[in-house]
């Protein structure tokens, strides 16, 4: 019979894949509709949000807000599936995954609630440090801490849990590439190396996590059939 962990693993991996694909579509849609906003000041930002449709931005933020809890459920399913001698690794991964979900969740919930409400009302005074568009905002550093250090370490500790060939090898390498991209992206963010952050986080992490989620979806789909 299909176990609860296999079902949760399949559905969380499926949801994770769908959320990353939705984020990618939104990212492309935003990039394909210039002009892109480059931070100057609060007044210019407010004018930009009033004159340009923000739907894809909100959809992307919603997808990533939901991804945190979904990823955490997936890590628990992986922990249940791990052999006894490797459960310490899966527990460590889940702990880092919790940090990732909390940090990024705080960021995206703020963007979709207080920041969005302030944009609609036209009152942005006092929330400059909570705007994702502001490259010097404290909330951006909190978000990047989640995406770089905590997600990087979470996926790094999951890597040894897929030692097999074929599909497991694909999952293993996707997780390893993601871990490397996340950690390098954190270094790039601290040192203000914008091209490095773009290559590792926007492209590297986005692609690697999508492959890993899709691979895990197939992996748990097969386990459901056993």
C-alpha atoms as a PDB file:
ATOM      1  CA  UNK A   1       0.000   0.000   0.000  1.00  0.00           C
ATOM      2  CA  UNK A   2       1.058   3.600  -0.619  1.00  0.00           C
ATOM      3  CA  UNK A   3       2.508   5.165   2.527  1.00  0.00           C
ATOM      4  CA  UNK A   4       1.658   8.631   3.781  1.00  0.00           C
ATOM      5  CA  UNK A   5       5.276   9.792   3.339  1.00  0.00           C
ATOM      6  CA  UNK A   6       5.269   8.728  -0.320  1.00  0.00           C
ATOM      7  CA  UNK A   7       2.015  10.557  -0.973  1.00  0.00           C
ATOM      8  CA  UNK A   8       3.233  13.697   0.774  1.00  0.00           C
ATOM      9  CA  UNK A   9       6.569  13.457  -1.028  1.00  0.00           C
ATOM     10  CA  UNK A  10       4.847  13.206  -4.406  1.00  0.00           C
ATOM     11  CA  UNK A  11       2.355  16.016  -3.875  1.00  0.00           C
ATOM     12  CA  UNK A  12       4.856  18.390  -2.257  1.00  0.00           C
ATOM     13  CA  UNK A  13       7.372  17.785  -5.067  1.00  0.00           C
ATOM     14  CA  UNK A  14       4.600  18.290  -7.625  1.00  0.00           C
ATOM     15  CA  UNK A  15       3.539  21.532  -5.955  1.00  0.00           C
ATOM     16  CA  UNK A  16       7.178  22.664  -5.728  1.00  0.00           C
ATOM     17  CA  UNK A  17       7.684  22.029  -9.439  1.00  0.00           C
ATOM     18  CA  UNK A  18       4.510  23.918 -10.350  1.00  0.00           C
ATOM     19  CA  UNK A  19       5.421  26.869  -8.114  1.00  0.00           C
ATOM     20  CA  UNK A  20       8.905  27.188  -9.600  1.00  0.00           C
ATOM     21  CA  UNK A  21       7.491  26.974 -13.122  1.00  0.00           C
ATOM     22  CA  UNK A  22       4.952  29.680 -12.254  1.00  0.00           C
ATOM     23  CA  UNK A  23       7.737  31.839 -10.841  1.00  0.00           C
ATOM     24  CA  UNK A  24       9.768  31.340 -14.034  1.00  0.00           C
ATOM     25  CA  UNK A  25       6.818  32.341 -16.226  1.00  0.00           C
ATOM     26  CA  UNK A  26       6.268  35.472 -14.114  1.00  0.00           C
ATOM     27  CA  UNK A  27       9.998  36.319 -14.203  1.00  0.00           C
ATOM     28  CA  UNK A  28      10.019  36.069 -18.008  1.00  0.00           C
ATOM     29  CA  UNK A  29       6.794  38.080 -18.287  1.00  0.00           C
ATOM     30  CA  UNK A  30       8.218  40.874 -16.130  1.00  0.00           C
ATOM     31  CA  UNK A  31      11.479  40.946 -18.115  1.00  0.00           C
ATOM     32  CA  UNK A  32       9.562  40.963 -21.408  1.00  0.00           C
ATOM     33  CA  UNK A  33       7.565  44.068 -20.466  1.00  0.00           C
ATOM     34  CA  UNK A  34      10.028  46.961 -20.203  1.00  0.00           C
ATOM     35  CA  UNK A  35      10.929  49.301 -18.772  1.00  0.00           C
ATOM     36  CA  UNK A  36      12.289  47.437 -15.757  1.00  0.00           C
ATOM     37  CA  UNK A  37      12.387  49.516 -12.604  1.00  0.00           C
ATOM     38  CA  UNK A  38      15.824  50.559 -11.326  1.00  0.00           C
ATOM     39  CA  UNK A  39      15.729  51.924  -7.795  1.00  0.00           C
ATOM     40  CA  UNK A  40      16.112  55.689  -7.369  1.00  0.00           C
ATOM     41  CA  UNK A  41      13.761  56.819  -4.606  1.00  0.00           C
ATOM     42  CA  UNK A  42      10.345  56.170  -3.041  1.00  0.00           C
ATOM     43  CA  UNK A  43       8.523  58.693  -5.223  1.00  0.00           C
ATOM     44  CA  UNK A  44       9.788  57.139  -8.458  1.00  0.00           C
ATOM     45  CA  UNK A  45       8.954  53.663  -7.164  1.00  0.00           C
ATOM     46  CA  UNK A  46       5.397  54.677  -6.308  1.00  0.00           C
ATOM     47  CA  UNK A  47       4.939  56.261  -9.734  1.00  0.00           C
ATOM     48  CA  UNK A  48       6.213  53.074 -11.401  1.00  0.00           C
ATOM     49  CA  UNK A  49       3.870  50.795  -9.450  1.00  0.00           C
ATOM     50  CA  UNK A  50       0.912  53.040 -10.310  1.00  0.00           C
ATOM     51  CA  UNK A  51       1.666  53.133 -14.032  1.00  0.00           C
ATOM     52  CA  UNK A  52       2.655  49.468 -14.557  1.00  0.00           C
ATOM     53  CA  UNK A  53       0.666  46.300 -13.935  1.00  0.00           C
ATOM     54  CA  UNK A  54       2.030  44.480 -10.865  1.00  0.00           C
ATOM     55  CA  UNK A  55       0.116  41.215 -11.387  1.00  0.00           C
ATOM     56  CA  UNK A  56       3.126  39.087 -12.358  1.00  0.00           C
ATOM     57  CA  UNK A  57       5.140  40.455  -9.443  1.00  0.00           C
ATOM     58  CA  UNK A  58       2.425  39.479  -6.983  1.00  0.00           C
ATOM     59  CA  UNK A  59       2.020  36.047  -8.581  1.00  0.00           C
ATOM     60  CA  UNK A  60       5.763  35.410  -8.358  1.00  0.00           C
ATOM     61  CA  UNK A  61       5.863  36.507  -4.715  1.00  0.00           C
ATOM     62  CA  UNK A  62       2.850  34.327  -3.896  1.00  0.00           C
ATOM     63  CA  UNK A  63       4.510  31.313  -5.538  1.00  0.00           C
ATOM     64  CA  UNK A  64       7.670  31.736  -3.488  1.00  0.00           C
ATOM     65  CA  UNK A  65       5.698  32.352  -0.281  1.00  0.00           C
ATOM     66  CA  UNK A  66       3.987  28.989  -0.786  1.00  0.00           C
ATOM     67  CA  UNK A  67       7.199  27.226  -1.796  1.00  0.00           C
ATOM     68  CA  UNK A  68       8.692  27.517   1.701  1.00  0.00           C
ATOM     69  CA  UNK A  69       6.047  25.362   3.462  1.00  0.00           C
ATOM     70  CA  UNK A  70       5.876  22.977   0.490  1.00  0.00           C
ATOM     71  CA  UNK A  71       9.654  22.474   0.602  1.00  0.00           C
ATOM     72  CA  UNK A  72       9.492  21.812   4.325  1.00  0.00           C
ATOM     73  CA  UNK A  73       6.859  19.086   3.842  1.00  0.00           C
ATOM     74  CA  UNK A  74       9.063  17.534   1.150  1.00  0.00           C
ATOM     75  CA  UNK A  75      12.062  17.491   3.503  1.00  0.00           C
ATOM     76  CA  UNK A  76      10.016  15.653   6.125  1.00  0.00           C
ATOM     77  CA  UNK A  77       8.998  13.070   3.500  1.00  0.00           C
ATOM     78  CA  UNK A  78      12.654  12.637   2.530  1.00  0.00           C
ATOM     79  CA  UNK A  79      13.543  12.207   6.212  1.00  0.00           C
ATOM     80  CA  UNK A  80      11.006   9.389   6.566  1.00  0.00           C
ATOM     81  CA  UNK A  81      12.468   7.718   3.476  1.00  0.00           C
ATOM     82  CA  UNK A  82      16.100   8.027   4.598  1.00  0.00           C
ATOM     83  CA  UNK A  83      17.933   4.958   5.937  1.00  0.00           C
ATOM     84  CA  UNK A  84      18.545   4.940   9.699  1.00  0.00           C
ATOM     85  CA  UNK A  85      22.264   5.672   9.383  1.00  0.00           C
ATOM     86  CA  UNK A  86      21.541   8.845   7.355  1.00  0.00           C
ATOM     87  CA  UNK A  87      18.592  10.259   9.278  1.00  0.00           C
ATOM     88  CA  UNK A  88      20.904  12.695  11.061  1.00  0.00           C
ATOM     89  CA  UNK A  89      21.601  14.301   7.659  1.00  0.00           C
ATOM     90  CA  UNK A  90      17.907  14.589   6.851  1.00  0.00           C
ATOM     91  CA  UNK A  91      17.187  16.107  10.273  1.00  0.00           C
ATOM     92  CA  UNK A  92      19.911  18.704   9.720  1.00  0.00           C
ATOM     93  CA  UNK A  93      18.522  19.427   6.238  1.00  0.00           C
ATOM     94  CA  UNK A  94      15.019  19.875   7.668  1.00  0.00           C
ATOM     95  CA  UNK A  95      16.319  22.282  10.317  1.00  0.00           C
ATOM     96  CA  UNK A  96      17.978  24.447   7.671  1.00  0.00           C
ATOM     97  CA  UNK A  97      14.826  24.121   5.555  1.00  0.00           C
ATOM     98  CA  UNK A  98      12.780  25.528   8.428  1.00  0.00           C
ATOM     99  CA  UNK A  99      15.087  28.545   8.576  1.00  0.00           C
ATOM    100  CA  UNK A 100      14.659  29.021   4.832  1.00  0.00           C
ATOM    101  CA  UNK A 101      10.856  28.832   5.038  1.00  0.00           C
ATOM    102  CA  UNK A 102      10.655  31.293   7.948  1.00  0.00           C
ATOM    103  CA  UNK A 103      13.060  33.888   6.521  1.00  0.00           C
ATOM    104  CA  UNK A 104      11.640  33.921   3.005  1.00  0.00           C
ATOM    105  CA  UNK A 105       8.095  33.645   4.338  1.00  0.00           C
ATOM    106  CA  UNK A 106       8.547  36.824   6.394  1.00  0.00           C
ATOM    107  CA  UNK A 107       9.841  38.625   3.327  1.00  0.00           C
ATOM    108  CA  UNK A 108       7.117  37.605   0.890  1.00  0.00           C
ATOM    109  CA  UNK A 109       4.270  38.004   3.376  1.00  0.00           C
ATOM    110  CA  UNK A 110       5.407  41.579   4.027  1.00  0.00           C
ATOM    111  CA  UNK A 111       5.534  42.274   0.283  1.00  0.00           C
ATOM    112  CA  UNK A 112       2.036  40.892  -0.308  1.00  0.00           C
ATOM    113  CA  UNK A 113       0.453  42.547   2.719  1.00  0.00           C
ATOM    114  CA  UNK A 114       1.886  45.773   4.159  1.00  0.00           C
ATOM    115  CA  UNK A 115       3.942  46.780   1.114  1.00  0.00           C
ATOM    116  CA  UNK A 116       1.144  46.048  -1.376  1.00  0.00           C
ATOM    117  CA  UNK A 117      -1.394  47.909   0.771  1.00  0.00           C
ATOM    118  CA  UNK A 118       0.969  50.884   1.039  1.00  0.00           C
ATOM    119  CA  UNK A 119       1.475  50.925  -2.728  1.00  0.00           C
ATOM    120  CA  UNK A 120      -2.280  50.929  -3.332  1.00  0.00           C
ATOM    121  CA  UNK A 121      -2.876  53.719  -0.828  1.00  0.00           C
ATOM    122  CA  UNK A 122       0.124  55.725  -2.060  1.00  0.00           C
ATOM    123  CA  UNK A 123       1.709  55.974   1.394  1.00  0.00           C
ATOM    124  CA  UNK A 124       5.194  54.493   1.373  1.00  0.00           C
ATOM    125  CA  UNK A 125       6.730  56.724   4.029  1.00  0.00           C
ATOM    126  CA  UNK A 126       8.594  54.712   6.642  1.00  0.00           C
ATOM    127  CA  UNK A 127       8.654  51.382   4.771  1.00  0.00           C
ATOM    128  CA  UNK A 128      11.707  51.943   2.591  1.00  0.00           C
ATOM    129  CA  UNK A 129      13.584  49.210   4.461  1.00  0.00           C
ATOM    130  CA  UNK A 130      10.796  46.729   3.672  1.00  0.00           C
ATOM    131  CA  UNK A 131      10.652  47.241  -0.097  1.00  0.00           C
ATOM    132  CA  UNK A 132      12.014  44.377  -2.181  1.00  0.00           C
ATOM    133  CA  UNK A 133      12.820  46.835  -4.967  1.00  0.00           C
ATOM    134  CA  UNK A 134      15.186  48.775  -2.691  1.00  0.00           C
ATOM    135  CA  UNK A 135      18.653  47.198  -3.065  1.00  0.00           C
ATOM    136  CA  UNK A 136      19.662  48.556   0.343  1.00  0.00           C
ATOM    137  CA  UNK A 137      16.596  47.363   2.250  1.00  0.00           C
ATOM    138  CA  UNK A 138      17.109  45.226   5.357  1.00  0.00           C
ATOM    139  CA  UNK A 139      14.271  42.912   4.312  1.00  0.00           C
ATOM    140  CA  UNK A 140      16.157  42.048   1.126  1.00  0.00           C
ATOM    141  CA  UNK A 141      19.129  40.849   3.183  1.00  0.00           C
ATOM    142  CA  UNK A 142      16.788  38.696   5.292  1.00  0.00           C
ATOM    143  CA  UNK A 143      15.300  37.171   2.148  1.00  0.00           C
ATOM    144  CA  UNK A 144      18.712  36.503   0.621  1.00  0.00           C
ATOM    145  CA  UNK A 145      19.908  34.874   3.843  1.00  0.00           C
ATOM    146  CA  UNK A 146      17.104  32.383   3.416  1.00  0.00           C
ATOM    147  CA  UNK A 147      17.684  31.742  -0.289  1.00  0.00           C
ATOM    148  CA  UNK A 148      21.478  31.512  -0.063  1.00  0.00           C
ATOM    149  CA  UNK A 149      22.768  30.132   3.245  1.00  0.00           C
ATOM    150  CA  UNK A 150      19.738  28.232   4.548  1.00  0.00           C
ATOM    151  CA  UNK A 151      18.424  26.791   1.262  1.00  0.00           C
ATOM    152  CA  UNK A 152      22.001  26.046   0.171  1.00  0.00           C
ATOM    153  CA  UNK A 153      22.786  24.068   3.333  1.00  0.00           C
ATOM    154  CA  UNK A 154      19.382  22.334   3.333  1.00  0.00           C
ATOM    155  CA  UNK A 155      19.896  20.971  -0.172  1.00  0.00           C
ATOM    156  CA  UNK A 156      23.561  20.183   0.490  1.00  0.00           C
ATOM    157  CA  UNK A 157      22.673  17.851   3.362  1.00  0.00           C
ATOM    158  CA  UNK A 158      20.022  16.127   1.221  1.00  0.00           C
ATOM    159  CA  UNK A 159      22.559  15.242  -1.507  1.00  0.00           C
ATOM    160  CA  UNK A 160      23.925  12.048   0.195  1.00  0.00           C
ATOM    161  CA  UNK A 161      20.382  10.710   0.600  1.00  0.00           C
ATOM    162  CA  UNK A 162      20.162   9.929  -3.138  1.00  0.00           C
ATOM    163  CA  UNK A 163      23.215   7.711  -3.815  1.00  0.00           C
ATOM    164  CA  UNK A 164      21.739   5.663  -6.661  1.00  0.00           C
ATOM    165  CA  UNK A 165      22.030   5.871 -10.441  1.00  0.00           C
ATOM    166  CA  UNK A 166      19.604   7.122 -13.069  1.00  0.00           C
ATOM    167  CA  UNK A 167      16.910   9.355 -11.591  1.00  0.00           C
ATOM    168  CA  UNK A 168      18.591   9.497  -8.175  1.00  0.00           C
ATOM    169  CA  UNK A 169      21.792  10.673  -9.833  1.00  0.00           C
ATOM    170  CA  UNK A 170      19.899  13.466 -11.593  1.00  0.00           C
ATOM    171  CA  UNK A 171      18.297  14.538  -8.304  1.00  0.00           C
ATOM    172  CA  UNK A 172      21.658  14.353  -6.494  1.00  0.00           C
ATOM    173  CA  UNK A 173      23.479  16.532  -9.010  1.00  0.00           C
ATOM    174  CA  UNK A 174      20.617  19.030  -9.258  1.00  0.00           C
ATOM    175  CA  UNK A 175      20.634  19.422  -5.463  1.00  0.00           C
ATOM    176  CA  UNK A 176      24.424  19.752  -5.403  1.00  0.00           C
ATOM    177  CA  UNK A 177      24.405  22.393  -8.143  1.00  0.00           C
ATOM    178  CA  UNK A 178      21.674  24.240  -6.285  1.00  0.00           C
ATOM    179  CA  UNK A 179      23.658  24.179  -3.034  1.00  0.00           C
ATOM    180  CA  UNK A 180      26.757  25.549  -4.768  1.00  0.00           C
ATOM    181  CA  UNK A 181      24.750  28.263  -6.543  1.00  0.00           C
ATOM    182  CA  UNK A 182      23.005  29.333  -3.339  1.00  0.00           C
ATOM    183  CA  UNK A 183      26.192  29.561  -1.299  1.00  0.00           C
ATOM    184  CA  UNK A 184      28.058  31.387  -4.076  1.00  0.00           C
ATOM    185  CA  UNK A 185      25.087  33.705  -4.471  1.00  0.00           C
ATOM    186  CA  UNK A 186      25.334  34.565  -0.786  1.00  0.00           C
ATOM    187  CA  UNK A 187      28.985  35.530  -1.246  1.00  0.00           C
ATOM    188  CA  UNK A 188      28.045  37.606  -4.284  1.00  0.00           C
ATOM    189  CA  UNK A 189      25.310  39.404  -2.345  1.00  0.00           C
ATOM    190  CA  UNK A 190      27.617  40.281   0.564  1.00  0.00           C
ATOM    191  CA  UNK A 191      30.335  41.541  -1.820  1.00  0.00           C
ATOM    192  CA  UNK A 192      27.806  43.347  -4.090  1.00  0.00           C
ATOM    193  CA  UNK A 193      28.760  41.255  -7.121  1.00  0.00           C
ATOM    194  CA  UNK A 194      25.495  41.699  -9.011  1.00  0.00           C
ATOM    195  CA  UNK A 195      26.423  39.527 -12.051  1.00  0.00           C
ATOM    196  CA  UNK A 196      27.390  36.645  -9.736  1.00  0.00           C
ATOM    197  CA  UNK A 197      24.104  36.914  -7.853  1.00  0.00           C
ATOM    198  CA  UNK A 198      22.134  36.954 -11.120  1.00  0.00           C
ATOM    199  CA  UNK A 199      23.955  33.923 -12.524  1.00  0.00           C
ATOM    200  CA  UNK A 200      23.835  31.831  -9.353  1.00  0.00           C
ATOM    201  CA  UNK A 201      20.431  32.735  -7.896  1.00  0.00           C
ATOM    202  CA  UNK A 202      18.221  33.810 -10.794  1.00  0.00           C
ATOM    203  CA  UNK A 203      19.580  31.295 -13.300  1.00  0.00           C
ATOM    204  CA  UNK A 204      21.533  28.582 -11.453  1.00  0.00           C
ATOM    205  CA  UNK A 205      19.330  28.113  -8.414  1.00  0.00           C
ATOM    206  CA  UNK A 206      16.117  28.550 -10.381  1.00  0.00           C
ATOM    207  CA  UNK A 207      17.083  25.924 -12.943  1.00  0.00           C
ATOM    208  CA  UNK A 208      18.599  23.461 -10.480  1.00  0.00           C
ATOM    209  CA  UNK A 209      15.661  23.588  -8.068  1.00  0.00           C
ATOM    210  CA  UNK A 210      13.164  23.100 -10.886  1.00  0.00           C
ATOM    211  CA  UNK A 211      15.051  20.001 -12.063  1.00  0.00           C
ATOM    212  CA  UNK A 212      15.385  18.697  -8.498  1.00  0.00           C
ATOM    213  CA  UNK A 213      11.667  19.205  -7.775  1.00  0.00           C
ATOM    214  CA  UNK A 214      10.642  17.536 -11.032  1.00  0.00           C
ATOM    215  CA  UNK A 215      13.027  14.653 -10.349  1.00  0.00           C
ATOM    216  CA  UNK A 216      11.640  14.180  -6.845  1.00  0.00           C
ATOM    217  CA  UNK A 217       8.116  14.261  -8.218  1.00  0.00           C
ATOM    218  CA  UNK A 218       8.930  11.345 -10.542  1.00  0.00           C
ATOM    219  CA  UNK A 219      10.863   9.579  -7.771  1.00  0.00           C
ATOM    220  CA  UNK A 220       7.895   9.620  -5.376  1.00  0.00           C
ATOM    221  CA  UNK A 221       5.444   8.829  -8.163  1.00  0.00           C
ATOM    222  CA  UNK A 222       7.359   5.609  -8.788  1.00  0.00           C
ATOM    223  CA  UNK A 223       7.463   4.832  -5.063  1.00  0.00           C
ATOM    224  CA  UNK A 224       3.698   5.296  -4.878  1.00  0.00           C
ATOM    225  CA  UNK A 225       3.326   2.548  -7.487  1.00  0.00           C
ATOM    226  CA  UNK A 226       5.448   0.023  -5.571  1.00  0.00           C
END
